[in-house]
Amino acid sequence: MAAGSEVELNLGPYAVKVVSDEATDLALAEESLEGDSDVKRGIIRVRSDLDHARTREVILHELLHHVVGLTHLAVKWSDEEQEEVIRALSPWLAMAVTVNILD
């Protein structure tokens, strides 16, 4: 994603905003993150300096946090368990799923 871009992904009836800009790059770099999610606000932040394949994987990873948040799993799994499952799934999904805003 180019710096300064903002797009919306549809997750069923929900809209998830994907943000990538200089302020986001700085904030994420300070936390040593490539991306993060605010599930309650429906926002994914992703660094703009990632290559295409990595950007796709980070967006899918963060989108999975939103999916988990919409299910009963959010209360069954601890944050660490959620992260473990999502880290295991996101690289595989990135190989099979097209992110329309990027591809």
PDB file of N, CA and C in Angstrom:
ATOM      1  N   MET A   1       0.853  -1.184   0.000  1.00  0.00           N
ATOM      2  CA  MET A   1       0.000   0.000   0.000  1.00  0.00           C
ATOM      3  C   MET A   1       0.883   1.226   0.000  1.00  0.00           C
ATOM      4  N   ALA A   2       0.469   2.196  -0.700  1.00  0.00           N
ATOM      5  CA  ALA A   2       1.220   3.445  -0.749  1.00  0.00           C
ATOM      6  C   ALA A   2       0.955   4.263   0.509  1.00  0.00           C
ATOM      7  N   ALA A   3       1.968   5.004   0.916  1.00  0.00           N
ATOM      8  CA  ALA A   3       1.796   5.882   2.072  1.00  0.00           C
ATOM      9  C   ALA A   3       0.693   6.878   1.768  1.00  0.00           C
ATOM     10  N   GLY A   4      -0.099   7.178   2.774  1.00  0.00           N
ATOM     11  CA  GLY A   4      -1.176   8.139   2.609  1.00  0.00           C
ATOM     12  C   GLY A   4      -2.448   7.530   2.059  1.00  0.00           C
ATOM     13  N   SER A   5      -2.510   6.206   2.009  1.00  0.00           N
ATOM     14  CA  SER A   5      -3.715   5.596   1.469  1.00  0.00           C
ATOM     15  C   SER A   5      -4.622   5.087   2.583  1.00  0.00           C
ATOM     16  N   GLU A   6      -5.892   5.055   2.269  1.00  0.00           N
ATOM     17  CA  GLU A   6      -6.912   4.562   3.179  1.00  0.00           C
ATOM     18  C   GLU A   6      -7.975   3.899   2.326  1.00  0.00           C
ATOM     19  N   VAL A   7      -8.253   2.640   2.611  1.00  0.00           N
ATOM     20  CA  VAL A   7      -9.265   1.907   1.856  1.00  0.00           C
ATOM     21  C   VAL A   7     -10.156   1.169   2.830  1.00  0.00           C
ATOM     22  N   GLU A   8     -11.283   0.690   2.316  1.00  0.00           N
ATOM     23  CA  GLU A   8     -12.203  -0.069   3.140  1.00  0.00           C
ATOM     24  C   GLU A   8     -12.346  -1.469   2.592  1.00  0.00           C
ATOM     25  N   LEU A   9     -12.296  -2.443   3.485  1.00  0.00           N
ATOM     26  CA  LEU A   9     -12.576  -3.829   3.138  1.00  0.00           C
ATOM     27  C   LEU A   9     -13.937  -4.182   3.710  1.00  0.00           C
ATOM     28  N   ASN A  10     -14.682  -4.971   2.973  1.00  0.00           N
ATOM     29  CA  ASN A  10     -15.962  -5.443   3.479  1.00  0.00           C
ATOM     30  C   ASN A  10     -15.773  -6.832   4.062  1.00  0.00           C
ATOM     31  N   LEU A  11     -16.177  -6.971   5.280  1.00  0.00           N
ATOM     32  CA  LEU A  11     -16.143  -8.249   5.971  1.00  0.00           C
ATOM     33  C   LEU A  11     -17.589  -8.569   6.310  1.00  0.00           C
ATOM     34  N   GLY A  12     -18.259  -9.234   5.377  1.00  0.00           N
ATOM     35  CA  GLY A  12     -19.698  -9.424   5.510  1.00  0.00           C
ATOM     36  C   GLY A  12     -20.354  -8.055   5.545  1.00  0.00           C
ATOM     37  N   PRO A  13     -21.207  -7.804   6.532  1.00  0.00           N
ATOM     38  CA  PRO A  13     -21.873  -6.507   6.612  1.00  0.00           C
ATOM     39  C   PRO A  13     -21.019  -5.417   7.255  1.00  0.00           C
ATOM     40  N   TYR A  14     -19.803  -5.756   7.656  1.00  0.00           N
ATOM     41  CA  TYR A  14     -18.943  -4.816   8.366  1.00  0.00           C
ATOM     42  C   TYR A  14     -17.901  -4.214   7.427  1.00  0.00           C
ATOM     43  N   ALA A  15     -17.590  -2.956   7.666  1.00  0.00           N
ATOM     44  CA  ALA A  15     -16.524  -2.278   6.922  1.00  0.00           C
ATOM     45  C   ALA A  15     -15.312  -2.156   7.834  1.00  0.00           C
ATOM     46  N   VAL A  16     -14.156  -2.533   7.302  1.00  0.00           N
ATOM     47  CA  VAL A  16     -12.901  -2.412   8.041  1.00  0.00           C
ATOM     48  C   VAL A  16     -12.007  -1.471   7.248  1.00  0.00           C
ATOM     49  N   LYS A  17     -11.605  -0.386   7.879  1.00  0.00           N
ATOM     50  CA  LYS A  17     -10.758   0.609   7.230  1.00  0.00           C
ATOM     51  C   LYS A  17      -9.305   0.186   7.359  1.00  0.00           C
ATOM     52  N   VAL A  18      -8.568   0.209   6.240  1.00  0.00           N
ATOM     53  CA  VAL A  18      -7.134  -0.083   6.243  1.00  0.00           C
ATOM     54  C   VAL A  18      -6.405   1.236   5.997  1.00  0.00           C
ATOM     55  N   VAL A  19      -5.562   1.608   6.954  1.00  0.00           N
ATOM     56  CA  VAL A  19      -4.874   2.892   6.929  1.00  0.00           C
ATOM     57  C   VAL A  19      -3.373   2.674   6.790  1.00  0.00           C
ATOM     58  N   SER A  20      -2.763   3.464   5.919  1.00  0.00           N
ATOM     59  CA  SER A  20      -1.316   3.419   5.735  1.00  0.00           C
ATOM     60  C   SER A  20      -0.854   4.821   5.378  1.00  0.00           C
ATOM     61  N   ASP A  21      -0.136   5.461   6.292  1.00  0.00           N
ATOM     62  CA  ASP A  21       0.368   6.814   6.042  1.00  0.00           C
ATOM     63  C   ASP A  21       1.631   7.036   6.865  1.00  0.00           C
ATOM     64  N   GLU A  22       2.235   8.199   6.726  1.00  0.00           N
ATOM     65  CA  GLU A  22       3.492   8.467   7.427  1.00  0.00           C
ATOM     66  C   GLU A  22       3.342   8.392   8.946  1.00  0.00           C
ATOM     67  N   ALA A  23       2.268   8.936   9.465  1.00  0.00           N
ATOM     68  CA  ALA A  23       2.045   8.893  10.915  1.00  0.00           C
ATOM     69  C   ALA A  23       1.890   7.451  11.394  1.00  0.00           C
ATOM     70  N   THR A  24       1.197   6.636  10.607  1.00  0.00           N
ATOM     71  CA  THR A  24       1.037   5.222  10.925  1.00  0.00           C
ATOM     72  C   THR A  24       2.380   4.511  10.890  1.00  0.00           C
ATOM     73  N   ASP A  25       3.177   4.800   9.852  1.00  0.00           N
ATOM     74  CA  ASP A  25       4.513   4.200   9.745  1.00  0.00           C
ATOM     75  C   ASP A  25       5.343   4.496  10.994  1.00  0.00           C
ATOM     76  N   LEU A  26       5.335   5.746  11.428  1.00  0.00           N
ATOM     77  CA  LEU A  26       6.120   6.131  12.606  1.00  0.00           C
ATOM     78  C   LEU A  26       5.614   5.448  13.873  1.00  0.00           C
ATOM     79  N   ALA A  27       4.304   5.452  14.058  1.00  0.00           N
ATOM     80  CA  ALA A  27       3.725   4.849  15.263  1.00  0.00           C
ATOM     81  C   ALA A  27       4.005   3.351  15.318  1.00  0.00           C
ATOM     82  N   LEU A  28       3.835   2.664  14.195  1.00  0.00           N
ATOM     83  CA  LEU A  28       4.076   1.228  14.174  1.00  0.00           C
ATOM     84  C   LEU A  28       5.561   0.914  14.339  1.00  0.00           C
ATOM     85  N   ALA A  29       6.428   1.712  13.718  1.00  0.00           N
ATOM     86  CA  ALA A  29       7.870   1.499  13.844  1.00  0.00           C
ATOM     87  C   ALA A  29       8.316   1.667  15.294  1.00  0.00           C
ATOM     88  N   GLU A  30       7.739   2.630  15.993  1.00  0.00           N
ATOM     89  CA  GLU A  30       8.077   2.837  17.406  1.00  0.00           C
ATOM     90  C   GLU A  30       7.727   1.616  18.255  1.00  0.00           C
ATOM     91  N   GLU A  31       6.690   0.895  17.835  1.00  0.00           N
ATOM     92  CA  GLU A  31       6.259  -0.294  18.565  1.00  0.00           C
ATOM     93  C   GLU A  31       6.839  -1.575  17.960  1.00  0.00           C
ATOM     94  N   SER A  32       7.703  -1.424  16.959  1.00  0.00           N
ATOM     95  CA  SER A  32       8.303  -2.565  16.246  1.00  0.00           C
ATOM     96  C   SER A  32       7.239  -3.478  15.645  1.00  0.00           C
ATOM     97  N   LEU A  33       6.208  -2.867  15.067  1.00  0.00           N
ATOM     98  CA  LEU A  33       5.120  -3.610  14.443  1.00  0.00           C
ATOM     99  C   LEU A  33       5.052  -3.305  12.945  1.00  0.00           C
ATOM    100  N   GLU A  34       4.552  -4.278  12.199  1.00  0.00           N
ATOM    101  CA  GLU A  34       4.285  -4.049  10.774  1.00  0.00           C
ATOM    102  C   GLU A  34       2.825  -3.661  10.559  1.00  0.00           C
ATOM    103  N   GLY A  35       1.985  -4.034  11.495  1.00  0.00           N
ATOM    104  CA  GLY A  35       0.572  -3.697  11.421  1.00  0.00           C
ATOM    105  C   GLY A  35      -0.095  -3.970  12.741  1.00  0.00           C
ATOM    106  N   ASP A  36      -1.294  -3.431  12.909  1.00  0.00           N
ATOM    107  CA  ASP A  36      -2.096  -3.731  14.094  1.00  0.00           C
ATOM    108  C   ASP A  36      -3.560  -3.476  13.786  1.00  0.00           C
ATOM    109  N   SER A  37      -4.414  -3.845  14.733  1.00  0.00           N
ATOM    110  CA  SER A  37      -5.864  -3.731  14.546  1.00  0.00           C
ATOM    111  C   SER A  37      -6.521  -3.099  15.748  1.00  0.00           C
ATOM    112  N   ASP A  38      -7.548  -2.352  15.470  1.00  0.00           N
ATOM    113  CA  ASP A  38      -8.470  -1.899  16.496  1.00  0.00           C
ATOM    114  C   ASP A  38      -9.819  -2.485  16.094  1.00  0.00           C
ATOM    115  N   VAL A  39     -10.110  -3.657  16.641  1.00  0.00           N
ATOM    116  CA  VAL A  39     -11.302  -4.396  16.232  1.00  0.00           C
ATOM    117  C   VAL A  39     -12.569  -3.616  16.555  1.00  0.00           C
ATOM    118  N   LYS A  40     -12.618  -2.979  17.717  1.00  0.00           N
ATOM    119  CA  LYS A  40     -13.824  -2.237  18.108  1.00  0.00           C
ATOM    120  C   LYS A  40     -14.106  -1.069  17.173  1.00  0.00           C
ATOM    121  N   ARG A  41     -13.076  -0.403  16.701  1.00  0.00           N
ATOM    122  CA  ARG A  41     -13.246   0.744  15.802  1.00  0.00           C
ATOM    123  C   ARG A  41     -13.249   0.332  14.335  1.00  0.00           C
ATOM    124  N   GLY A  42     -12.916  -0.916  14.032  1.00  0.00           N
ATOM    125  CA  GLY A  42     -12.917  -1.390  12.651  1.00  0.00           C
ATOM    126  C   GLY A  42     -11.778  -0.810  11.819  1.00  0.00           C
ATOM    127  N   ILE A  43     -10.581  -0.772  12.405  1.00  0.00           N
ATOM    128  CA  ILE A  43      -9.432  -0.165  11.723  1.00  0.00           C
ATOM    129  C   ILE A  43      -8.244  -1.125  11.737  1.00  0.00           C
ATOM    130  N   ILE A  44      -7.588  -1.222  10.607  1.00  0.00           N
ATOM    131  CA  ILE A  44      -6.319  -1.928  10.482  1.00  0.00           C
ATOM    132  C   ILE A  44      -5.290  -0.898  10.059  1.00  0.00           C
ATOM    133  N   ARG A  45      -4.153  -0.880  10.757  1.00  0.00           N
ATOM    134  CA  ARG A  45      -3.043  -0.017  10.341  1.00  0.00           C
ATOM    135  C   ARG A  45      -1.930  -0.905   9.814  1.00  0.00           C
ATOM    136  N   VAL A  46      -1.341  -0.513   8.692  1.00  0.00           N
ATOM    137  CA  VAL A  46      -0.253  -1.281   8.105  1.00  0.00           C
ATOM    138  C   VAL A  46       0.820  -0.332   7.587  1.00  0.00           C
ATOM    139  N   ARG A  47       2.069  -0.714   7.792  1.00  0.00           N
ATOM    140  CA  ARG A  47       3.168   0.133   7.328  1.00  0.00           C
ATOM    141  C   ARG A  47       3.210   0.161   5.805  1.00  0.00           C
ATOM    142  N   SER A  48       3.516   1.312   5.268  1.00  0.00           N
ATOM    143  CA  SER A  48       3.520   1.492   3.807  1.00  0.00           C
ATOM    144  C   SER A  48       4.818   1.040   3.152  1.00  0.00           C
ATOM    145  N   ASP A  49       5.857   0.756   3.944  1.00  0.00           N
ATOM    146  CA  ASP A  49       7.146   0.411   3.361  1.00  0.00           C
ATOM    147  C   ASP A  49       7.357  -1.097   3.204  1.00  0.00           C
ATOM    148  N   LEU A  50       6.311  -1.883   3.389  1.00  0.00           N
ATOM    149  CA  LEU A  50       6.413  -3.329   3.229  1.00  0.00           C
ATOM    150  C   LEU A  50       6.257  -3.705   1.754  1.00  0.00           C
ATOM    151  N   ASP A  51       6.877  -4.806   1.364  1.00  0.00           N
ATOM    152  CA  ASP A  51       6.678  -5.248  -0.015  1.00  0.00           C
ATOM    153  C   ASP A  51       5.261  -5.799  -0.162  1.00  0.00           C
ATOM    154  N   HIS A  52       4.859  -5.985  -1.400  1.00  0.00           N
ATOM    155  CA  HIS A  52       3.487  -6.375  -1.728  1.00  0.00           C
ATOM    156  C   HIS A  52       3.052  -7.645  -0.996  1.00  0.00           C
ATOM    157  N   ALA A  53       3.879  -8.682  -1.055  1.00  0.00           N
ATOM    158  CA  ALA A  53       3.512  -9.958  -0.434  1.00  0.00           C
ATOM    159  C   ALA A  53       3.368  -9.822   1.079  1.00  0.00           C
ATOM    160  N   ARG A  54       4.275  -9.096   1.691  1.00  0.00           N
ATOM    161  CA  ARG A  54       4.221  -8.923   3.147  1.00  0.00           C
ATOM    162  C   ARG A  54       3.023  -8.066   3.539  1.00  0.00           C
ATOM    163  N   THR A  55       2.728  -7.030   2.778  1.00  0.00           N
ATOM    164  CA  THR A  55       1.560  -6.191   3.049  1.00  0.00           C
ATOM    165  C   THR A  55       0.297  -7.031   3.023  1.00  0.00           C
ATOM    166  N   ARG A  56       0.184  -7.898   2.024  1.00  0.00           N
ATOM    167  CA  ARG A  56      -0.976  -8.769   1.898  1.00  0.00           C
ATOM    168  C   ARG A  56      -1.107  -9.674   3.125  1.00  0.00           C
ATOM    169  N   GLU A  57       0.005 -10.259   3.547  1.00  0.00           N
ATOM    170  CA  GLU A  57      -0.040 -11.150   4.703  1.00  0.00           C
ATOM    171  C   GLU A  57      -0.401 -10.397   5.981  1.00  0.00           C
ATOM    172  N   VAL A  58       0.153  -9.197   6.148  1.00  0.00           N
ATOM    173  CA  VAL A  58      -0.152  -8.406   7.346  1.00  0.00           C
ATOM    174  C   VAL A  58      -1.634  -8.018   7.365  1.00  0.00           C
ATOM    175  N   ILE A  59      -2.168  -7.605   6.227  1.00  0.00           N
ATOM    176  CA  ILE A  59      -3.591  -7.249   6.174  1.00  0.00           C
ATOM    177  C   ILE A  59      -4.459  -8.460   6.505  1.00  0.00           C
ATOM    178  N   LEU A  60      -4.135  -9.615   5.936  1.00  0.00           N
ATOM    179  CA  LEU A  60      -4.907 -10.826   6.253  1.00  0.00           C
ATOM    180  C   LEU A  60      -4.780 -11.201   7.726  1.00  0.00           C
ATOM    181  N   HIS A  61      -3.587 -11.081   8.266  1.00  0.00           N
ATOM    182  CA  HIS A  61      -3.370 -11.368   9.685  1.00  0.00           C
ATOM    183  C   HIS A  61      -4.276 -10.474  10.541  1.00  0.00           C
ATOM    184  N   GLU A  62      -4.244  -9.189  10.250  1.00  0.00           N
ATOM    185  CA  GLU A  62      -5.048  -8.254  11.038  1.00  0.00           C
ATOM    186  C   GLU A  62      -6.538  -8.466  10.800  1.00  0.00           C
ATOM    187  N   LEU A  63      -6.915  -8.807   9.584  1.00  0.00           N
ATOM    188  CA  LEU A  63      -8.317  -9.076   9.284  1.00  0.00           C
ATOM    189  C   LEU A  63      -8.807 -10.296  10.071  1.00  0.00           C
ATOM    190  N   LEU A  64      -7.939 -11.272  10.273  1.00  0.00           N
ATOM    191  CA  LEU A  64      -8.309 -12.432  11.086  1.00  0.00           C
ATOM    192  C   LEU A  64      -8.607 -12.029  12.530  1.00  0.00           C
ATOM    193  N   HIS A  65      -7.934 -11.017  13.035  1.00  0.00           N
ATOM    194  CA  HIS A  65      -8.272 -10.519  14.377  1.00  0.00           C
ATOM    195  C   HIS A  65      -9.713 -10.018  14.391  1.00  0.00           C
ATOM    196  N   HIS A  66     -10.124  -9.363  13.318  1.00  0.00           N
ATOM    197  CA  HIS A  66     -11.508  -8.876  13.228  1.00  0.00           C
ATOM    198  C   HIS A  66     -12.477 -10.050  13.131  1.00  0.00           C
ATOM    199  N   VAL A  67     -12.131 -11.075  12.363  1.00  0.00           N
ATOM    200  CA  VAL A  67     -12.983 -12.259  12.244  1.00  0.00           C
ATOM    201  C   VAL A  67     -13.145 -12.923  13.609  1.00  0.00           C
ATOM    202  N   VAL A  68     -12.055 -13.123  14.318  1.00  0.00           N
ATOM    203  CA  VAL A  68     -12.128 -13.729  15.656  1.00  0.00           C
ATOM    204  C   VAL A  68     -13.003 -12.873  16.568  1.00  0.00           C
ATOM    205  N   GLY A  69     -12.877 -11.556  16.454  1.00  0.00           N
ATOM    206  CA  GLY A  69     -13.677 -10.648  17.270  1.00  0.00           C
ATOM    207  C   GLY A  69     -15.169 -10.749  17.004  1.00  0.00           C
ATOM    208  N   LEU A  70     -15.534 -11.250  15.838  1.00  0.00           N
ATOM    209  CA  LEU A  70     -16.953 -11.404  15.484  1.00  0.00           C
ATOM    210  C   LEU A  70     -17.511 -12.762  15.895  1.00  0.00           C
ATOM    211  N   THR A  71     -16.666 -13.617  16.422  1.00  0.00           N
ATOM    212  CA  THR A  71     -17.101 -14.967  16.772  1.00  0.00           C
ATOM    213  C   THR A  71     -17.061 -15.181  18.288  1.00  0.00           C
ATOM    214  N   HIS A  72     -17.516 -16.336  18.678  1.00  0.00           N
ATOM    215  CA  HIS A  72     -17.458 -16.728  20.094  1.00  0.00           C
ATOM    216  C   HIS A  72     -16.020 -16.996  20.546  1.00  0.00           C
ATOM    217  N   LEU A  73     -15.109 -17.141  19.598  1.00  0.00           N
ATOM    218  CA  LEU A  73     -13.720 -17.461  19.943  1.00  0.00           C
ATOM    219  C   LEU A  73     -13.029 -16.326  20.693  1.00  0.00           C
ATOM    220  N   ALA A  74     -13.498 -15.120  20.497  1.00  0.00           N
ATOM    221  CA  ALA A  74     -12.877 -13.966  21.164  1.00  0.00           C
ATOM    222  C   ALA A  74     -12.914 -14.108  22.686  1.00  0.00           C
ATOM    223  N   VAL A  75     -13.955 -14.714  23.214  1.00  0.00           N
ATOM    224  CA  VAL A  75     -14.046 -14.882  24.665  1.00  0.00           C
ATOM    225  C   VAL A  75     -13.488 -16.224  25.132  1.00  0.00           C
ATOM    226  N   LYS A  76     -13.318 -17.158  24.210  1.00  0.00           N
ATOM    227  CA  LYS A  76     -12.791 -18.479  24.576  1.00  0.00           C
ATOM    228  C   LYS A  76     -11.271 -18.507  24.573  1.00  0.00           C
ATOM    229  N   TRP A  77     -10.653 -17.709  23.694  1.00  0.00           N
ATOM    230  CA  TRP A  77      -9.197 -17.714  23.553  1.00  0.00           C
ATOM    231  C   TRP A  77      -8.606 -16.486  24.231  1.00  0.00           C
ATOM    232  N   SER A  78      -7.491 -16.678  24.901  1.00  0.00           N
ATOM    233  CA  SER A  78      -6.755 -15.532  25.436  1.00  0.00           C
ATOM    234  C   SER A  78      -6.125 -14.781  24.265  1.00  0.00           C
ATOM    235  N   ASP A  79      -5.617 -13.593  24.526  1.00  0.00           N
ATOM    236  CA  ASP A  79      -4.937 -12.828  23.476  1.00  0.00           C
ATOM    237  C   ASP A  79      -3.777 -13.622  22.887  1.00  0.00           C
ATOM    238  N   GLU A  80      -3.042 -14.328  23.747  1.00  0.00           N
ATOM    239  CA  GLU A  80      -1.900 -15.122  23.278  1.00  0.00           C
ATOM    240  C   GLU A  80      -2.353 -16.277  22.395  1.00  0.00           C
ATOM    241  N   GLU A  81      -3.454 -16.932  22.773  1.00  0.00           N
ATOM    242  CA  GLU A  81      -3.977 -18.035  21.964  1.00  0.00           C
ATOM    243  C   GLU A  81      -4.477 -17.532  20.614  1.00  0.00           C
ATOM    244  N   GLN A  82      -5.169 -16.393  20.622  1.00  0.00           N
ATOM    245  CA  GLN A  82      -5.624 -15.812  19.362  1.00  0.00           C
ATOM    246  C   GLN A  82      -4.448 -15.521  18.444  1.00  0.00           C
ATOM    247  N   GLU A  83      -3.433 -14.913  19.005  1.00  0.00           N
ATOM    248  CA  GLU A  83      -2.267 -14.542  18.209  1.00  0.00           C
ATOM    249  C   GLU A  83      -1.578 -15.780  17.644  1.00  0.00           C
ATOM    250  N   GLU A  84      -1.481 -16.829  18.439  1.00  0.00           N
ATOM    251  CA  GLU A  84      -0.847 -18.060  17.975  1.00  0.00           C
ATOM    252  C   GLU A  84      -1.600 -18.661  16.789  1.00  0.00           C
ATOM    253  N   VAL A  85      -2.918 -18.731  16.888  1.00  0.00           N
ATOM    254  CA  VAL A  85      -3.733 -19.279  15.807  1.00  0.00           C
ATOM    255  C   VAL A  85      -3.632 -18.401  14.566  1.00  0.00           C
ATOM    256  N   ILE A  86      -3.739 -17.117  14.743  1.00  0.00           N
ATOM    257  CA  ILE A  86      -3.699 -16.193  13.606  1.00  0.00           C
ATOM    258  C   ILE A  86      -2.336 -16.219  12.931  1.00  0.00           C
ATOM    259  N   ARG A  87      -1.268 -16.273  13.707  1.00  0.00           N
ATOM    260  CA  ARG A  87       0.075 -16.364  13.107  1.00  0.00           C
ATOM    261  C   ARG A  87       0.251 -17.657  12.323  1.00  0.00           C
ATOM    262  N   ALA A  88      -0.389 -18.718  12.770  1.00  0.00           N
ATOM    263  CA  ALA A  88      -0.291 -19.991  12.057  1.00  0.00           C
ATOM    264  C   ALA A  88      -1.092 -19.968  10.756  1.00  0.00           C
ATOM    265  N   LEU A  89      -2.237 -19.299  10.761  1.00  0.00           N
ATOM    266  CA  LEU A  89      -3.121 -19.307   9.596  1.00  0.00           C
ATOM    267  C   LEU A  89      -2.793 -18.258   8.537  1.00  0.00           C
ATOM    268  N   SER A  90      -2.380 -17.080   8.952  1.00  0.00           N
ATOM    269  CA  SER A  90      -2.267 -15.968   7.998  1.00  0.00           C
ATOM    270  C   SER A  90      -1.292 -16.212   6.846  1.00  0.00           C
ATOM    271  N   PRO A  91      -0.123 -16.825   7.040  1.00  0.00           N
ATOM    272  CA  PRO A  91       0.743 -17.045   5.869  1.00  0.00           C
ATOM    273  C   PRO A  91       0.101 -17.969   4.834  1.00  0.00           C
ATOM    274  N   TRP A  92      -0.622 -18.971   5.318  1.00  0.00           N
ATOM    275  CA  TRP A  92      -1.271 -19.903   4.398  1.00  0.00           C
ATOM    276  C   TRP A  92      -2.415 -19.229   3.649  1.00  0.00           C
ATOM    277  N   LEU A  93      -3.203 -18.452   4.348  1.00  0.00           N
ATOM    278  CA  LEU A  93      -4.288 -17.732   3.686  1.00  0.00           C
ATOM    279  C   LEU A  93      -3.758 -16.706   2.692  1.00  0.00           C
ATOM    280  N   ALA A  94      -2.645 -16.080   3.015  1.00  0.00           N
ATOM    281  CA  ALA A  94      -2.063 -15.085   2.110  1.00  0.00           C
ATOM    282  C   ALA A  94      -1.676 -15.702   0.774  1.00  0.00           C
ATOM    283  N   MET A  95      -1.355 -16.983   0.775  1.00  0.00           N
ATOM    284  CA  MET A  95      -1.001 -17.655  -0.468  1.00  0.00           C
ATOM    285  C   MET A  95      -2.229 -17.965  -1.325  1.00  0.00           C
ATOM    286  N   ALA A  96      -3.399 -18.033  -0.698  1.00  0.00           N
ATOM    287  CA  ALA A  96      -4.597 -18.457  -1.409  1.00  0.00           C
ATOM    288  C   ALA A  96      -5.620 -17.361  -1.640  1.00  0.00           C
ATOM    289  N   VAL A  97      -5.578 -16.318  -0.836  1.00  0.00           N
ATOM    290  CA  VAL A  97      -6.615 -15.290  -0.867  1.00  0.00           C
ATOM    291  C   VAL A  97      -6.101 -14.044  -1.546  1.00  0.00           C
ATOM    292  N   THR A  98      -6.943 -13.448  -2.369  1.00  0.00           N
ATOM    293  CA  THR A  98      -6.604 -12.189  -3.014  1.00  0.00           C
ATOM    294  C   THR A  98      -7.151 -11.042  -2.189  1.00  0.00           C
ATOM    295  N   VAL A  99      -6.311 -10.056  -1.938  1.00  0.00           N
ATOM    296  CA  VAL A  99      -6.769  -8.841  -1.274  1.00  0.00           C
ATOM    297  C   VAL A  99      -7.024  -7.828  -2.391  1.00  0.00           C
ATOM    298  N   ASN A 100      -8.292  -7.596  -2.694  1.00  0.00           N
ATOM    299  CA  ASN A 100      -8.665  -6.805  -3.860  1.00  0.00           C
ATOM    300  C   ASN A 100      -8.064  -5.408  -3.890  1.00  0.00           C
ATOM    301  N   ILE A 101      -7.788  -4.847  -2.741  1.00  0.00           N
ATOM    302  CA  ILE A 101      -7.236  -3.498  -2.734  1.00  0.00           C
ATOM    303  C   ILE A 101      -5.788  -3.482  -3.188  1.00  0.00           C
ATOM    304  N   LEU A 102      -5.159  -4.658  -3.188  1.00  0.00           N
ATOM    305  CA  LEU A 102      -3.760  -4.739  -3.566  1.00  0.00           C
ATOM    306  C   LEU A 102      -3.561  -5.418  -4.907  1.00  0.00           C
ATOM    307  N   ASP A 103      -4.332  -6.450  -5.194  1.00  0.00           N
ATOM    308  CA  ASP A 103      -4.120  -7.274  -6.393  1.00  0.00           C
ATOM    309  C   ASP A 103      -4.915  -6.791  -7.587  1.00  0.00           C
TER     310      ASP A 103
END
